[in-house]
Protein backbone atom coordinates (compact mmCIF):
# COMPACT_ATOMS: atom_id res chain seq x y z
CA UNK A 1 0.00 0.00 0.00
CA UNK A 2 1.10 3.57 -0.61
CA UNK A 3 2.21 5.77 2.25
CA UNK A 4 0.03 8.65 3.38
CA UNK A 5 2.13 11.54 1.95
CA UNK A 6 1.85 10.04 -1.55
CA UNK A 7 -1.92 9.69 -1.21
CA UNK A 8 -2.25 13.26 0.08
CA UNK A 9 -0.21 14.55 -2.86
CA UNK A 10 -2.43 12.64 -5.29
CA UNK A 11 -5.50 14.19 -3.66
CA UNK A 12 -4.00 17.68 -3.85
CA UNK A 13 -3.07 17.20 -7.51
CA UNK A 14 -6.56 15.94 -8.34
CA UNK A 15 -8.14 18.86 -6.48
CA UNK A 16 -5.97 21.31 -8.46
CA UNK A 17 -7.18 19.68 -11.69
CA UNK A 18 -10.81 19.93 -10.56
CA UNK A 19 -10.34 23.57 -9.54
CA UNK A 20 -8.91 24.40 -12.99
CA UNK A 21 -11.86 22.63 -14.62
CA UNK A 22 -14.26 24.47 -12.32
CA UNK A 23 -12.87 27.84 -13.46
CA UNK A 24 -13.50 26.81 -17.07
CA UNK A 25 -16.85 25.09 -16.47
CA UNK A 26 -18.58 27.19 -13.83
CA UNK A 27 -21.61 24.90 -13.93
CA UNK A 28 -19.47 22.16 -12.33
CA UNK A 29 -18.40 23.67 -9.00
CA UNK A 30 -15.95 22.03 -6.64
CA UNK A 31 -18.29 20.44 -4.09
CA UNK A 32 -18.07 17.86 -1.29
CA UNK A 33 -19.40 15.36 -3.82
CA UNK A 34 -16.38 16.07 -6.01
CA UNK A 35 -14.06 15.59 -3.03
CA UNK A 36 -15.78 12.27 -2.26
CA UNK A 37 -15.24 11.22 -5.88
CA UNK A 38 -11.57 12.17 -5.56
CA UNK A 39 -11.22 10.02 -2.45
CA UNK A 40 -12.84 7.04 -4.20
CA UNK A 41 -10.55 7.50 -7.21
CA UNK A 42 -7.46 7.53 -5.01
CA UNK A 43 -8.59 4.37 -3.18
CA UNK A 44 -8.93 2.52 -6.49
CA UNK A 45 -5.33 3.26 -7.52
């Protein structure tokens, strides 16, 4: 299993991507649901 710092960095990187997308597509805001999706994505990797 990966260590926590690596997982946290993956989460931060994914959040940055979502934030950039949110600035382009304002109809898709960064919400708790998005964060939950990020967490699930990280768990799968």
